[in-house]
Amino acid sequence: MTRPGHNEGFDVSAARRRCLGYRRRILGMSQKVSALHAAPAFSCIELTDTIYYGLMDRRGSEDDDVFLMSKGHGCLVQYLILNDLGILSDADIDLYCTAEGRLGAHPDYGVPGIAAATGSLGHGLGMAVGMAQADRILSRSTRVHVLLSDGEMQEGSSWEAVMMAANLGLSSVIAYLDLNDFQGLGRTSALHPAFYPVADKWRAFGWEVAEVDGHDAAAIHEAVTRRSMEKPFLLVGRTVKGRGVSFMENEPIWHYRSPSAEEYGQALSELTEVTSRHA
């Protein structure tokens, strides 16, 4: 069930083309700065694109949906989407992480299209809960979409927000967990095995939960649009860190690093081949 809006008739083929384009553009940006969070962005590209183009209401009213990139280090894809939507300029993208620019490694409040400063992990869900409760008090129909990393779910503040959302019955909160099984420099399942099974924990806290392939735009869209809307909702997206570039996938060293010229060429070639297969 969805509210009427621009997201009717979500085009999965167009989403696939956009997501491949984001990966190639992020690689291009990597050749202008000494380091960037490419691999963390690559794992949440399909999730973020589907939120913006398939799930959010963005019609220019006070009831427009809100998106929070709680996984602040995944913001490269958000910047590119905001650029495609005309909210950020080409110059903003070109000046990423430079003294002359306004886009940093984590999103900052005040930048057009950015609803909150994030990246100090563990705060985004709490802010989403507060926004949703405020909207309820103001009788607004806004929904708050918040994208989380599995690493930040080790913060106590995140679990307090999980519990509070259920206590308040905030069905307008839709959370997306980028479950790439990495935190910092190692696998979450190896370093923090008690985190699993994560979906069962959220259900026990009073949330409705669905699990899908986090790189499957159609599955993401279907799971969220079919939610009951009776409880806060979590979509667990099973993802791959560095998705799409063979030498980046599931390699901790690529958490914050720019590829060399040779590596850039290889990565771009791999993504070109993928683009050709899906043309």
C-alpha atoms as a PDB file:
ATOM      1  CA  MET A   1       0.000   0.000   0.000  1.00  0.00           C
ATOM      2  CA  THR A   2       1.425   3.404  -0.985  1.00  0.00           C
ATOM      3  CA  ARG A   3       0.222   6.958  -1.035  1.00  0.00           C
ATOM      4  CA  PRO A   4      -0.237   8.411  -4.523  1.00  0.00           C
ATOM      5  CA  GLY A   5       2.819  10.215  -5.803  1.00  0.00           C
ATOM      6  CA  HIS A   6       5.657  10.321  -8.287  1.00  0.00           C
ATOM      7  CA  ASN A   7       6.769   6.777  -7.423  1.00  0.00           C
ATOM      8  CA  GLU A   8       3.929   4.993  -9.185  1.00  0.00           C
ATOM      9  CA  GLY A   9       5.218   2.703 -11.938  1.00  0.00           C
ATOM     10  CA  PHE A  10       8.761   2.315 -10.553  1.00  0.00           C
ATOM     11  CA  ASP A  11      11.002   1.439 -13.525  1.00  0.00           C
ATOM     12  CA  VAL A  12      13.455  -1.264 -12.441  1.00  0.00           C
ATOM     13  CA  SER A  13      15.435  -1.143 -15.690  1.00  0.00           C
ATOM     14  CA  ALA A  14      15.949   2.599 -15.291  1.00  0.00           C
ATOM     15  CA  ALA A  15      16.980   2.024 -11.676  1.00  0.00           C
ATOM     16  CA  ARG A  16      19.606  -0.487 -12.794  1.00  0.00           C
ATOM     17  CA  ARG A  17      21.039   1.982 -15.283  1.00  0.00           C
ATOM     18  CA  ARG A  18      21.126   4.755 -12.691  1.00  0.00           C
ATOM     19  CA  CYS A  19      22.915   2.563 -10.153  1.00  0.00           C
ATOM     20  CA  LEU A  20      25.593   1.510 -12.615  1.00  0.00           C
ATOM     21  CA  GLY A  21      26.010   5.181 -13.488  1.00  0.00           C
ATOM     22  CA  TYR A  22      26.480   6.112  -9.814  1.00  0.00           C
ATOM     23  CA  ARG A  23      29.238   3.546  -9.447  1.00  0.00           C
ATOM     24  CA  ARG A  24      31.062   4.866 -12.492  1.00  0.00           C
ATOM     25  CA  ARG A  25      30.670   8.480 -11.362  1.00  0.00           C
ATOM     26  CA  ILE A  26      31.962   7.673  -7.867  1.00  0.00           C
ATOM     27  CA  LEU A  27      35.011   6.056  -9.457  1.00  0.00           C
ATOM     28  CA  GLY A  28      35.539   9.252 -11.427  1.00  0.00           C
ATOM     29  CA  MET A  29      35.337  11.297  -8.233  1.00  0.00           C
ATOM     30  CA  SER A  30      37.912   9.000  -6.645  1.00  0.00           C
ATOM     31  CA  GLN A  31      40.554  10.221  -9.068  1.00  0.00           C
ATOM     32  CA  LYS A  32      40.242  13.791  -7.779  1.00  0.00           C
ATOM     33  CA  VAL A  33      40.658  13.180  -4.022  1.00  0.00           C
ATOM     34  CA  SER A  34      43.181  11.215  -2.006  1.00  0.00           C
ATOM     35  CA  ALA A  35      40.589   8.940  -0.390  1.00  0.00           C
ATOM     36  CA  LEU A  36      36.837   8.444  -0.308  1.00  0.00           C
ATOM     37  CA  HIS A  37      34.212   5.974   0.917  1.00  0.00           C
ATOM     38  CA  ALA A  38      33.537   4.247  -2.403  1.00  0.00           C
ATOM     39  CA  ALA A  39      33.030   0.687  -1.140  1.00  0.00           C
ATOM     40  CA  PRO A  40      30.581   1.685   1.636  1.00  0.00           C
ATOM     41  CA  ALA A  41      28.590   3.709  -0.906  1.00  0.00           C
ATOM     42  CA  PHE A  42      28.556   0.828  -3.393  1.00  0.00           C
ATOM     43  CA  SER A  43      26.774  -1.448  -0.914  1.00  0.00           C
ATOM     44  CA  CYS A  44      23.864   0.957  -0.389  1.00  0.00           C
ATOM     45  CA  ILE A  45      23.401   2.310  -3.923  1.00  0.00           C
ATOM     46  CA  GLU A  46      20.329   0.268  -4.833  1.00  0.00           C
ATOM     47  CA  LEU A  47      18.729   0.905  -1.457  1.00  0.00           C
ATOM     48  CA  THR A  48      19.207   4.671  -1.701  1.00  0.00           C
ATOM     49  CA  ASP A  49      18.135   4.927  -5.333  1.00  0.00           C
ATOM     50  CA  THR A  50      14.956   2.920  -4.685  1.00  0.00           C
ATOM     51  CA  ILE A  51      14.098   5.128  -1.723  1.00  0.00           C
ATOM     52  CA  TYR A  52      14.402   8.329  -3.748  1.00  0.00           C
ATOM     53  CA  TYR A  53      12.902   7.181  -7.027  1.00  0.00           C
ATOM     54  CA  GLY A  54      10.495   4.486  -5.928  1.00  0.00           C
ATOM     55  CA  LEU A  55       9.385   5.051  -2.345  1.00  0.00           C
ATOM     56  CA  MET A  56       9.604   8.710  -1.281  1.00  0.00           C
ATOM     57  CA  ASP A  57       6.892  11.271  -1.904  1.00  0.00           C
ATOM     58  CA  ARG A  58       8.677  14.419  -3.168  1.00  0.00           C
ATOM     59  CA  ARG A  59       5.952  16.719  -4.437  1.00  0.00           C
ATOM     60  CA  GLY A  60       7.030  19.991  -2.888  1.00  0.00           C
ATOM     61  CA  SER A  61       4.586  20.063   0.030  1.00  0.00           C
ATOM     62  CA  GLU A  62       5.066  20.159   3.793  1.00  0.00           C
ATOM     63  CA  ASP A  63       4.083  16.486   3.830  1.00  0.00           C
ATOM     64  CA  ASP A  64       6.987  15.443   1.625  1.00  0.00           C
ATOM     65  CA  ASP A  65       8.883  12.428   2.904  1.00  0.00           C
ATOM     66  CA  VAL A  66      12.258  12.857   4.608  1.00  0.00           C
ATOM     67  CA  PHE A  67      15.408  10.814   4.036  1.00  0.00           C
ATOM     68  CA  LEU A  68      18.249  10.473   6.549  1.00  0.00           C
ATOM     69  CA  MET A  69      21.538   8.857   5.529  1.00  0.00           C
ATOM     70  CA  SER A  70      22.384   7.685   9.034  1.00  0.00           C
ATOM     71  CA  LYS A  71      25.211   5.712   7.454  1.00  0.00           C
ATOM     72  CA  GLY A  72      26.899   9.013   6.770  1.00  0.00           C
ATOM     73  CA  HIS A  73      29.897   7.491   5.034  1.00  0.00           C
ATOM     74  CA  GLY A  74      27.537   6.208   2.335  1.00  0.00           C
ATOM     75  CA  CYS A  75      26.627   9.744   1.268  1.00  0.00           C
ATOM     76  CA  LEU A  76      28.365   9.738  -2.127  1.00  0.00           C
ATOM     77  CA  VAL A  77      25.344   8.098  -3.732  1.00  0.00           C
ATOM     78  CA  GLN A  78      23.019  10.579  -2.012  1.00  0.00           C
ATOM     79  CA  TYR A  79      25.061  13.477  -3.381  1.00  0.00           C
ATOM     80  CA  LEU A  80      24.815  12.088  -6.920  1.00  0.00           C
ATOM     81  CA  ILE A  81      21.071  11.531  -6.637  1.00  0.00           C
ATOM     82  CA  LEU A  82      20.591  15.074  -5.369  1.00  0.00           C
ATOM     83  CA  ASN A  83      22.678  16.252  -8.316  1.00  0.00           C
ATOM     84  CA  ASP A  84      20.505  14.297 -10.759  1.00  0.00           C
ATOM     85  CA  LEU A  85      17.411  15.847  -9.157  1.00  0.00           C
ATOM     86  CA  GLY A  86      18.829  19.344  -9.638  1.00  0.00           C
ATOM     87  CA  ILE A  87      19.205  19.985  -5.915  1.00  0.00           C
ATOM     88  CA  LEU A  88      23.020  19.929  -5.939  1.00  0.00           C
ATOM     89  CA  SER A  89      24.986  21.431  -8.820  1.00  0.00           C
ATOM     90  CA  ASP A  90      27.638  19.851 -11.008  1.00  0.00           C
ATOM     91  CA  ALA A  91      30.102  22.231  -9.361  1.00  0.00           C
ATOM     92  CA  ASP A  92      29.163  20.828  -5.955  1.00  0.00           C
ATOM     93  CA  ILE A  93      30.105  17.340  -7.155  1.00  0.00           C
ATOM     94  CA  ASP A  94      33.309  18.522  -8.827  1.00  0.00           C
ATOM     95  CA  LEU A  95      34.413  20.236  -5.603  1.00  0.00           C
ATOM     96  CA  TYR A  96      33.689  17.233  -3.345  1.00  0.00           C
ATOM     97  CA  CYS A  97      36.045  17.168  -0.355  1.00  0.00           C
ATOM     98  CA  THR A  98      37.941  20.290  -1.379  1.00  0.00           C
ATOM     99  CA  ALA A  99      38.468  23.531   0.511  1.00  0.00           C
ATOM    100  CA  GLU A 100      36.356  25.355  -2.064  1.00  0.00           C
ATOM    101  CA  GLY A 101      33.418  22.931  -1.927  1.00  0.00           C
ATOM    102  CA  ARG A 102      30.573  22.295   0.497  1.00  0.00           C
ATOM    103  CA  LEU A 103      30.308  18.491   0.254  1.00  0.00           C
ATOM    104  CA  GLY A 104      32.310  16.526   2.779  1.00  0.00           C
ATOM    105  CA  ALA A 105      32.951  12.865   3.489  1.00  0.00           C
ATOM    106  CA  HIS A 106      29.799  12.876   5.646  1.00  0.00           C
ATOM    107  CA  PRO A 107      26.627  14.890   4.950  1.00  0.00           C
ATOM    108  CA  ASP A 108      26.155  18.213   6.726  1.00  0.00           C
ATOM    109  CA  TYR A 109      22.889  19.904   7.653  1.00  0.00           C
ATOM    110  CA  GLY A 110      22.498  23.102   5.654  1.00  0.00           C
ATOM    111  CA  VAL A 111      23.593  21.536   2.383  1.00  0.00           C
ATOM    112  CA  PRO A 112      20.555  21.481   0.053  1.00  0.00           C
ATOM    113  CA  GLY A 113      18.691  18.175   0.296  1.00  0.00           C
ATOM    114  CA  ILE A 114      20.420  17.067   3.506  1.00  0.00           C
ATOM    115  CA  ALA A 115      17.980  16.752   6.405  1.00  0.00           C
ATOM    116  CA  ALA A 116      20.548  16.190   9.170  1.00  0.00           C
ATOM    117  CA  ALA A 117      24.277  15.966   9.791  1.00  0.00           C
ATOM    118  CA  THR A 118      25.133  12.281  10.080  1.00  0.00           C
ATOM    119  CA  GLY A 119      28.113  10.003  10.220  1.00  0.00           C
ATOM    120  CA  SER A 120      28.602  10.068  13.960  1.00  0.00           C
ATOM    121  CA  LEU A 121      27.057   6.638  13.869  1.00  0.00           C
ATOM    122  CA  GLY A 122      24.134   5.704  16.070  1.00  0.00           C
ATOM    123  CA  HIS A 123      22.218   8.989  15.921  1.00  0.00           C
ATOM    124  CA  GLY A 124      20.249   8.774  12.689  1.00  0.00           C
ATOM    125  CA  LEU A 125      17.489   6.466  13.862  1.00  0.00           C
ATOM    126  CA  GLY A 126      16.909   8.550  16.982  1.00  0.00           C
ATOM    127  CA  MET A 127      16.571  11.670  14.848  1.00  0.00           C
ATOM    128  CA  ALA A 128      14.149   9.833  12.555  1.00  0.00           C
ATOM    129  CA  VAL A 129      11.998   8.850  15.534  1.00  0.00           C
ATOM    130  CA  GLY A 130      11.960  12.444  16.787  1.00  0.00           C
ATOM    131  CA  MET A 131      11.015  13.782  13.357  1.00  0.00           C
ATOM    132  CA  ALA A 132       8.215  11.232  12.997  1.00  0.00           C
ATOM    133  CA  GLN A 133       6.780  12.062  16.420  1.00  0.00           C
ATOM    134  CA  ALA A 134       6.915  15.795  15.629  1.00  0.00           C
ATOM    135  CA  ASP A 135       5.101  15.195  12.345  1.00  0.00           C
ATOM    136  CA  ARG A 136       2.421  13.252  14.197  1.00  0.00           C
ATOM    137  CA  ILE A 137       1.928  16.125  16.650  1.00  0.00           C
ATOM    138  CA  LEU A 138       1.639  18.534  13.703  1.00  0.00           C
ATOM    139  CA  SER A 139      -0.849  16.202  11.944  1.00  0.00           C
ATOM    140  CA  ARG A 140       1.429  15.722   8.950  1.00  0.00           C
ATOM    141  CA  SER A 141       1.440  12.572   6.859  1.00  0.00           C
ATOM    142  CA  THR A 142       5.205  12.666   6.290  1.00  0.00           C
ATOM    143  CA  ARG A 143       7.133   9.410   6.315  1.00  0.00           C
ATOM    144  CA  VAL A 144      10.739   9.301   7.494  1.00  0.00           C
ATOM    145  CA  HIS A 145      13.115   6.980   5.645  1.00  0.00           C
ATOM    146  CA  VAL A 146      16.434   6.265   7.373  1.00  0.00           C
ATOM    147  CA  LEU A 147      19.318   4.186   6.030  1.00  0.00           C
ATOM    148  CA  LEU A 148      21.446   2.443   8.649  1.00  0.00           C
ATOM    149  CA  SER A 149      24.728   0.548   8.672  1.00  0.00           C
ATOM    150  CA  ASP A 150      25.078  -2.747  10.506  1.00  0.00           C
ATOM    151  CA  GLY A 151      28.094  -1.349  12.368  1.00  0.00           C
ATOM    152  CA  GLU A 152      26.090   1.493  13.927  1.00  0.00           C
ATOM    153  CA  MET A 153      23.580  -0.997  15.301  1.00  0.00           C
ATOM    154  CA  GLN A 154      26.147  -1.763  17.990  1.00  0.00           C
ATOM    155  CA  GLU A 155      25.413   1.642  19.501  1.00  0.00           C
ATOM    156  CA  GLY A 156      23.055   1.611  22.477  1.00  0.00           C
ATOM    157  CA  SER A 157      21.382   4.774  21.188  1.00  0.00           C
ATOM    158  CA  SER A 158      20.252   2.860  18.099  1.00  0.00           C
ATOM    159  CA  TRP A 159      18.488   0.213  20.172  1.00  0.00           C
ATOM    160  CA  GLU A 160      16.887   2.878  22.367  1.00  0.00           C
ATOM    161  CA  ALA A 161      15.456   4.388  19.178  1.00  0.00           C
ATOM    162  CA  VAL A 162      14.263   0.971  17.972  1.00  0.00           C
ATOM    163  CA  MET A 163      12.376   0.526  21.225  1.00  0.00           C
ATOM    164  CA  MET A 164      10.998   4.085  21.290  1.00  0.00           C
ATOM    165  CA  ALA A 165       9.644   3.880  17.739  1.00  0.00           C
ATOM    166  CA  ALA A 166       7.690   0.764  18.676  1.00  0.00           C
ATOM    167  CA  ASN A 167       6.522   2.241  21.982  1.00  0.00           C
ATOM    168  CA  LEU A 168       5.135   5.267  20.139  1.00  0.00           C
ATOM    169  CA  GLY A 169       3.666   3.188  17.325  1.00  0.00           C
ATOM    170  CA  LEU A 170       5.476   5.246  14.693  1.00  0.00           C
ATOM    171  CA  SER A 171       4.436   3.423  11.536  1.00  0.00           C
ATOM    172  CA  SER A 172       5.707   6.394   9.513  1.00  0.00           C
ATOM    173  CA  VAL A 173       9.315   5.366  10.258  1.00  0.00           C
ATOM    174  CA  ILE A 174      10.825   3.160   7.557  1.00  0.00           C
ATOM    175  CA  ALA A 175      14.360   1.960   8.287  1.00  0.00           C
ATOM    176  CA  TYR A 176      16.704   0.282   5.816  1.00  0.00           C
ATOM    177  CA  LEU A 177      19.611  -1.766   7.150  1.00  0.00           C
ATOM    178  CA  ASP A 178      22.583  -2.004   4.787  1.00  0.00           C
ATOM    179  CA  LEU A 179      23.647  -5.441   5.984  1.00  0.00           C
ATOM    180  CA  ASN A 180      26.999  -5.837   4.242  1.00  0.00           C
ATOM    181  CA  ASP A 181      28.437  -7.732   7.238  1.00  0.00           C
ATOM    182  CA  PHE A 182      31.320  -5.309   7.684  1.00  0.00           C
ATOM    183  CA  GLN A 183      32.206  -2.873  10.431  1.00  0.00           C
ATOM    184  CA  GLY A 184      35.389  -0.872  10.321  1.00  0.00           C
ATOM    185  CA  LEU A 185      38.086  -3.377   9.464  1.00  0.00           C
ATOM    186  CA  GLY A 186      36.387  -6.748   9.765  1.00  0.00           C
ATOM    187  CA  ARG A 187      33.256  -8.819   9.346  1.00  0.00           C
ATOM    188  CA  THR A 188      30.460  -8.121  11.793  1.00  0.00           C
ATOM    189  CA  SER A 189      29.602 -11.812  11.953  1.00  0.00           C
ATOM    190  CA  ALA A 190      33.150 -12.599  13.129  1.00  0.00           C
ATOM    191  CA  LEU A 191      33.702  -9.624  15.436  1.00  0.00           C
ATOM    192  CA  HIS A 192      30.199  -9.337  16.878  1.00  0.00           C
ATOM    193  CA  PRO A 193      28.333 -12.626  16.275  1.00  0.00           C
ATOM    194  CA  ALA A 194      25.687 -11.792  18.909  1.00  0.00           C
ATOM    195  CA  PHE A 195      24.365  -9.203  16.445  1.00  0.00           C
ATOM    196  CA  TYR A 196      22.699 -12.034  14.545  1.00  0.00           C
ATOM    197  CA  PRO A 197      19.928 -12.880  13.817  1.00  0.00           C
ATOM    198  CA  VAL A 198      19.276  -9.166  13.496  1.00  0.00           C
ATOM    199  CA  ALA A 199      15.785  -9.387  11.985  1.00  0.00           C
ATOM    200  CA  ASP A 200      14.492 -11.416  14.927  1.00  0.00           C
ATOM    201  CA  LYS A 201      15.804  -8.804  17.349  1.00  0.00           C
ATOM    202  CA  TRP A 202      13.896  -5.983  15.632  1.00  0.00           C
ATOM    203  CA  ARG A 203      10.731  -8.072  15.557  1.00  0.00           C
ATOM    204  CA  ALA A 204      11.126  -8.729  19.280  1.00  0.00           C
ATOM    205  CA  PHE A 205      11.296  -4.952  19.790  1.00  0.00           C
ATOM    206  CA  GLY A 206       7.939  -4.531  18.047  1.00  0.00           C
ATOM    207  CA  TRP A 207       8.840  -3.780  14.433  1.00  0.00           C
ATOM    208  CA  GLU A 208       7.566  -5.264  11.199  1.00  0.00           C
ATOM    209  CA  VAL A 209      10.568  -6.654   9.289  1.00  0.00           C
ATOM    210  CA  ALA A 210      11.289  -7.910   5.781  1.00  0.00           C
ATOM    211  CA  GLU A 211      14.564  -9.264   4.392  1.00  0.00           C
ATOM    212  CA  VAL A 212      15.625  -9.000   0.741  1.00  0.00           C
ATOM    213  CA  ASP A 213      18.637  -8.860  -1.551  1.00  0.00           C
ATOM    214  CA  GLY A 214      19.728  -5.264  -1.015  1.00  0.00           C
ATOM    215  CA  HIS A 215      20.922  -4.982  -4.615  1.00  0.00           C
ATOM    216  CA  ASP A 216      17.539  -6.007  -6.060  1.00  0.00           C
ATOM    217  CA  ALA A 217      15.558  -2.813  -6.617  1.00  0.00           C
ATOM    218  CA  ALA A 218      12.342  -4.662  -7.436  1.00  0.00           C
ATOM    219  CA  ALA A 219      12.517  -6.696  -4.221  1.00  0.00           C
ATOM    220  CA  ILE A 220      13.247  -3.594  -2.148  1.00  0.00           C
ATOM    221  CA  HIS A 221      10.337  -1.709  -3.665  1.00  0.00           C
ATOM    222  CA  GLU A 222       7.884  -4.579  -3.290  1.00  0.00           C
ATOM    223  CA  ALA A 223       8.791  -5.299   0.328  1.00  0.00           C
ATOM    224  CA  VAL A 224       8.319  -1.695   1.442  1.00  0.00           C
ATOM    225  CA  THR A 225       5.135  -1.017  -0.521  1.00  0.00           C
ATOM    226  CA  ARG A 226       3.537  -4.195   0.853  1.00  0.00           C
ATOM    227  CA  ARG A 227       4.210  -3.428   4.503  1.00  0.00           C
ATOM    228  CA  SER A 228       1.168  -3.425   6.793  1.00  0.00           C
ATOM    229  CA  MET A 229       1.693   0.217   7.915  1.00  0.00           C
ATOM    230  CA  GLU A 230       0.658  -0.833  11.426  1.00  0.00           C
ATOM    231  CA  LYS A 231       4.155  -0.726  12.970  1.00  0.00           C
ATOM    232  CA  PRO A 232       7.502   0.924  12.284  1.00  0.00           C
ATOM    233  CA  PHE A 233       9.091  -1.017   9.441  1.00  0.00           C
ATOM    234  CA  LEU A 234      12.606  -2.358   8.868  1.00  0.00           C
ATOM    235  CA  LEU A 235      13.903  -3.568   5.533  1.00  0.00           C
ATOM    236  CA  VAL A 236      17.023  -5.700   5.958  1.00  0.00           C
ATOM    237  CA  GLY A 237      18.992  -5.460   2.721  1.00  0.00           C
ATOM    238  CA  ARG A 238      21.652  -8.138   2.358  1.00  0.00           C
ATOM    239  CA  THR A 239      24.438  -6.356   0.495  1.00  0.00           C
ATOM    240  CA  VAL A 240      28.072  -6.632  -0.579  1.00  0.00           C
ATOM    241  CA  LYS A 241      30.589  -3.993   0.404  1.00  0.00           C
ATOM    242  CA  GLY A 242      32.234  -2.682  -2.769  1.00  0.00           C
ATOM    243  CA  ARG A 243      29.526  -4.270  -4.927  1.00  0.00           C
ATOM    244  CA  GLY A 244      30.344  -4.277  -8.643  1.00  0.00           C
ATOM    245  CA  VAL A 245      34.139  -4.024  -8.522  1.00  0.00           C
ATOM    246  CA  SER A 246      35.819  -7.385  -7.996  1.00  0.00           C
ATOM    247  CA  PHE A 247      38.887  -6.228  -6.077  1.00  0.00           C
ATOM    248  CA  MET A 248      36.794  -3.993  -3.776  1.00  0.00           C
ATOM    249  CA  GLU A 249      34.136  -6.528  -2.839  1.00  0.00           C
ATOM    250  CA  ASN A 250      34.375  -7.641   0.795  1.00  0.00           C
ATOM    251  CA  GLU A 251      37.887  -6.193   1.208  1.00  0.00           C
ATOM    252  CA  PRO A 252      38.172  -4.054   4.371  1.00  0.00           C
ATOM    253  CA  ILE A 253      41.042  -1.971   2.966  1.00  0.00           C
ATOM    254  CA  TRP A 254      38.596  -0.327   0.546  1.00  0.00           C
ATOM    255  CA  HIS A 255      36.509   1.228   3.314  1.00  0.00           C
ATOM    256  CA  TYR A 256      38.261   4.566   2.759  1.00  0.00           C
ATOM    257  CA  ARG A 257      40.628   4.565  -0.179  1.00  0.00           C
ATOM    258  CA  SER A 258      40.914   5.831  -3.743  1.00  0.00           C
ATOM    259  CA  PRO A 259      42.003   3.429  -6.489  1.00  0.00           C
ATOM    260  CA  SER A 260      45.235   4.032  -8.383  1.00  0.00           C
ATOM    261  CA  ALA A 261      45.039   4.917 -12.073  1.00  0.00           C
ATOM    262  CA  GLU A 262      45.504   1.258 -12.969  1.00  0.00           C
ATOM    263  CA  GLU A 263      42.886   0.092 -10.466  1.00  0.00           C
ATOM    264  CA  TYR A 264      40.515   2.798 -11.691  1.00  0.00           C
ATOM    265  CA  GLY A 265      40.869   1.512 -15.237  1.00  0.00           C
ATOM    266  CA  GLN A 266      40.153  -2.053 -14.183  1.00  0.00           C
ATOM    267  CA  ALA A 267      37.117  -1.031 -12.096  1.00  0.00           C
ATOM    268  CA  LEU A 268      35.695   1.097 -14.897  1.00  0.00           C
ATOM    269  CA  SER A 269      36.206  -1.756 -17.348  1.00  0.00           C
ATOM    270  CA  GLU A 270      34.309  -4.161 -15.080  1.00  0.00           C
ATOM    271  CA  LEU A 271      31.403  -1.739 -14.750  1.00  0.00           C
ATOM    272  CA  THR A 272      31.381  -1.093 -18.502  1.00  0.00           C
ATOM    273  CA  GLU A 273      31.068  -4.820 -19.073  1.00  0.00           C
ATOM    274  CA  VAL A 274      28.183  -5.002 -16.604  1.00  0.00           C
ATOM    275  CA  THR A 275      26.507  -2.056 -18.325  1.00  0.00           C
ATOM    276  CA  SER A 276      26.781  -3.795 -21.682  1.00  0.00           C
ATOM    277  CA  ARG A 277      25.219  -6.997 -20.359  1.00  0.00           C
ATOM    278  CA  HIS A 278      22.223  -5.077 -19.000  1.00  0.00           C
ATOM    279  CA  ALA A 279      21.800  -2.627 -21.895  1.00  0.00           C
END
